[in-house]
């Protein structure tokens, strides 16, 4: 199953301060039979340097690097839109932190599962490039985002903005596509990181 044809060379960065976790993940990647180039980085600054040299990357990030640097991480996400962000979950992290990743690899994932997730993230980047949508939110999408972050329902937002509920739902879909975030709590963190609302 792992040896099925997948001729693309994936560019993978592992952002992990622990040598044990970094090397263990590298060994599992070798067992996936995927073709890839990998880079190992210790922190978000090194990761930013790596991303600036690659136009398209799959980044596996230890959430511990994000916990106290959420704004910095969200800026990285916004700066490098052709990157898929994959959280490495080996202990419990707050749900809001894990939701800002496009995918999550857990401590118990097999090489087959890891390969499947990496291929899915590569396909996600393909799809994103094909759509070629700008990553900046429109003025109306920003308004909808702010109301979502304040806890309002679709109906409440529709009433406040004097638009239909279907229009609110469409704006929500566009916001999720542009940010890569699907949950309200994740979008709230995004709004805070972008300076749209205060924590």
Protein backbone atom coordinates (compact mmCIF):
# COMPACT_ATOMS: atom_id res chain seq x y z
CA UNK A 1 0.00 0.00 0.00
CA UNK A 2 2.82 2.44 0.80
CA UNK A 3 4.73 1.52 -2.32
CA UNK A 4 2.07 2.80 -4.70
CA UNK A 5 3.33 5.31 -7.25
CA UNK A 6 3.83 8.81 -5.94
CA UNK A 7 6.54 10.38 -8.04
CA UNK A 8 6.46 13.88 -6.62
CA UNK A 9 9.34 14.98 -4.44
CA UNK A 10 7.87 16.54 -1.32
CA UNK A 11 9.67 19.35 0.49
CA UNK A 12 9.24 18.69 4.20
CA UNK A 13 10.49 20.77 7.11
CA UNK A 14 10.41 19.40 10.64
CA UNK A 15 10.24 22.20 13.22
CA UNK A 16 11.03 20.35 16.42
CA UNK A 17 13.40 21.41 19.23
CA UNK A 18 13.73 17.86 20.62
CA UNK A 19 16.36 15.83 18.82
CA UNK A 20 14.67 12.59 19.92
CA UNK A 21 11.31 13.54 18.37
CA UNK A 22 12.98 15.05 15.29
CA UNK A 23 15.08 11.97 14.56
CA UNK A 24 12.23 9.56 15.37
CA UNK A 25 9.95 11.33 12.93
CA UNK A 26 12.70 11.29 10.29
CA UNK A 27 13.00 7.51 10.68
CA UNK A 28 9.23 7.11 10.25
CA UNK A 29 9.34 9.32 7.14
CA UNK A 30 11.98 7.00 5.67
CA UNK A 31 9.55 4.10 6.14
CA UNK A 32 6.83 5.82 4.08
CA UNK A 33 8.66 5.24 0.77
CA UNK A 34 7.72 8.76 -0.28
CA UNK A 35 10.28 10.77 -2.20
CA UNK A 36 11.13 13.84 -0.19
CA UNK A 37 13.74 16.37 0.77
CA UNK A 38 13.72 17.29 4.43
CA UNK A 39 15.09 20.06 6.57
CA UNK A 40 15.32 20.08 10.34
CA UNK A 41 14.82 23.35 12.22
CA UNK A 42 14.72 24.16 15.93
CA UNK A 43 12.46 27.22 16.07
CA UNK A 44 10.11 29.53 14.18
CA UNK A 45 12.92 31.88 13.10
CA UNK A 46 14.80 29.04 11.37
CA UNK A 47 11.50 27.86 9.93
CA UNK A 48 10.82 31.32 8.44
CA UNK A 49 14.26 31.26 6.79
CA UNK A 50 13.57 27.81 5.33
CA UNK A 51 10.11 28.79 4.03
CA UNK A 52 11.55 31.91 2.38
CA UNK A 53 13.77 29.66 0.24
CA UNK A 54 11.05 27.19 -0.78
CA UNK A 55 7.95 28.08 -2.74
CA UNK A 56 5.98 25.06 -1.54
CA UNK A 57 6.51 23.12 1.66
CA UNK A 58 4.91 20.67 4.05
CA UNK A 59 5.89 21.78 7.56
CA UNK A 60 5.57 19.48 10.56
CA UNK A 61 5.55 21.70 13.65
CA UNK A 62 5.80 20.89 17.33
CA UNK A 63 2.89 22.89 18.83
CA UNK A 64 5.13 23.79 21.78
CA UNK A 65 6.79 26.27 19.38
CA UNK A 66 3.40 27.91 18.77
CA UNK A 67 1.90 28.02 22.27
CA UNK A 68 3.56 31.28 23.35
CA UNK A 69 4.17 32.61 19.84
CA UNK A 70 0.75 32.31 18.21
CA UNK A 71 0.93 35.70 16.52
CA UNK A 72 4.35 34.92 15.05
CA UNK A 73 3.11 31.56 13.78
CA UNK A 74 -0.03 33.06 12.24
CA UNK A 75 2.14 35.65 10.49
CA UNK A 76 4.23 32.79 9.08
CA UNK A 77 1.04 31.12 7.83
CA UNK A 78 -0.07 34.33 6.16
CA UNK A 79 3.37 35.05 4.66
CA UNK A 80 3.81 31.57 3.16
CA UNK A 81 0.42 30.55 1.71
CA UNK A 82 1.91 27.69 -0.34
CA UNK A 83 2.74 25.82 2.84
CA UNK A 84 0.74 23.11 4.59
CA UNK A 85 1.08 23.30 8.37
CA UNK A 86 0.97 19.95 10.18
CA UNK A 87 0.94 19.77 13.97
CA UNK A 88 2.87 17.01 15.75
CA UNK A 89 0.72 15.93 18.69
CA UNK A 90 2.57 13.85 21.26
CA UNK A 91 0.99 15.29 24.43
CA UNK A 92 -2.24 17.14 25.14
CA UNK A 93 -2.37 20.63 23.64
CA UNK A 94 -5.30 23.04 23.85
CA UNK A 95 -7.83 22.44 21.08
CA UNK A 96 -7.51 26.05 19.90
CA UNK A 97 -3.81 25.53 19.23
CA UNK A 98 -4.30 22.28 17.31
CA UNK A 99 -7.07 23.80 15.17
CA UNK A 100 -4.70 26.30 13.55
CA UNK A 101 -2.91 23.46 11.77
CA UNK A 102 -4.10 22.07 8.43
CA UNK A 103 -3.48 18.52 9.63
CA UNK A 104 -2.20 16.69 12.71
CA UNK A 105 0.21 13.78 13.01
CA UNK A 106 -0.02 11.93 16.31
CA UNK A 107 2.46 9.85 18.24
CA UNK A 108 0.49 6.72 17.34
CA UNK A 109 0.28 7.23 13.57
CA UNK A 110 1.81 4.46 11.47
CA UNK A 111 4.10 5.23 8.52
CA UNK A 112 1.12 4.44 6.25
CA UNK A 113 -1.05 6.99 8.05
CA UNK A 114 1.71 9.62 7.96
CA UNK A 115 2.21 9.03 4.21
CA UNK A 116 -1.52 9.37 3.64
CA UNK A 117 -1.68 12.65 5.57
CA UNK A 118 1.34 14.08 3.75
CA UNK A 119 -0.13 13.15 0.35
CA UNK A 120 -3.44 14.70 1.38
CA UNK A 121 -1.66 17.93 2.35
CA UNK A 122 0.20 17.93 -0.98
CA UNK A 123 -3.16 17.59 -2.76
CA UNK A 124 -4.52 20.41 -0.57
CA UNK A 125 -1.71 22.68 -1.81
CA UNK A 126 -2.44 21.66 -5.41
CA UNK A 127 -6.09 22.55 -4.93
CA UNK A 128 -5.22 25.83 -3.27
CA UNK A 129 -2.90 26.84 -6.13
CA UNK A 130 -5.54 25.96 -8.73
CA UNK A 131 -8.08 28.22 -7.08
CA UNK A 132 -5.55 31.09 -6.97
CA UNK A 133 -7.68 33.07 -4.60
CA UNK A 134 -6.11 36.05 -2.89
CA UNK A 135 -5.42 35.37 0.79
CA UNK A 136 -6.60 38.73 1.99
CA UNK A 137 -10.12 38.91 3.31
CA UNK A 138 -12.55 41.33 1.73
CA UNK A 139 -14.04 44.09 3.88
CA UNK A 140 -17.32 42.16 4.25
CA UNK A 141 -15.48 38.90 5.09
CA UNK A 142 -13.56 40.78 7.79
CA UNK A 143 -16.84 42.06 9.24
CA UNK A 144 -18.26 38.52 9.28
CA UNK A 145 -15.06 37.22 10.90
CA UNK A 146 -15.26 39.83 13.67
CA UNK A 147 -18.87 38.92 14.43
CA UNK A 148 -18.00 35.20 14.42
CA UNK A 149 -15.13 35.83 16.82
CA UNK A 150 -17.49 37.68 19.16
CA UNK A 151 -19.71 34.59 19.34
CA UNK A 152 -22.59 35.62 17.10
CA UNK A 153 -24.65 33.07 15.17
CA UNK A 154 -25.17 33.13 11.39
CA UNK A 155 -28.68 34.57 11.90
CA UNK A 156 -27.43 37.29 14.24
CA UNK A 157 -24.69 38.25 11.77
CA UNK A 158 -27.21 38.30 8.91
CA UNK A 159 -29.49 40.61 10.90
CA UNK A 160 -26.67 42.97 11.93
CA UNK A 161 -25.22 43.24 8.40
CA UNK A 162 -28.64 43.22 6.71
CA UNK A 163 -27.77 40.25 4.48
CA UNK A 164 -29.22 36.76 4.08
CA UNK A 165 -28.08 33.78 6.14
CA UNK A 166 -26.94 32.10 2.89
CA UNK A 167 -24.67 35.08 2.21
CA UNK A 168 -23.19 34.77 5.71
CA UNK A 169 -22.55 31.05 5.09
CA UNK A 170 -20.86 31.86 1.76
CA UNK A 171 -18.64 34.45 3.48
CA UNK A 172 -17.75 31.87 6.14
CA UNK A 173 -16.74 29.35 3.45
CA UNK A 174 -14.58 31.99 1.74
CA UNK A 175 -12.95 32.94 5.04
CA UNK A 176 -12.16 29.26 5.76
CA UNK A 177 -10.70 28.75 2.27
CA UNK A 178 -8.52 31.85 2.47
CA UNK A 179 -7.24 31.23 6.00
CA UNK A 180 -7.19 27.42 5.93
CA UNK A 181 -9.07 27.45 9.27
CA UNK A 182 -12.48 25.83 9.67
CA UNK A 183 -13.46 26.27 13.30
CA UNK A 184 -14.74 29.39 15.05
CA UNK A 185 -12.12 29.08 17.81
CA UNK A 186 -9.36 28.81 15.20
CA UNK A 187 -10.74 31.85 13.35
CA UNK A 188 -10.84 33.76 16.64
CA UNK A 189 -7.13 33.06 17.18
CA UNK A 190 -6.52 34.14 13.56
CA UNK A 191 -8.38 37.44 14.18
CA UNK A 192 -6.33 38.06 17.33
CA UNK A 193 -3.06 37.22 15.54
CA UNK A 194 -3.96 39.61 12.70
CA UNK A 195 -4.66 42.39 15.20
CA UNK A 196 -8.34 42.57 14.22
CA UNK A 197 -9.46 42.05 17.81
CA UNK A 198 -7.72 42.19 21.17
CA UNK A 199 -7.17 39.07 23.28
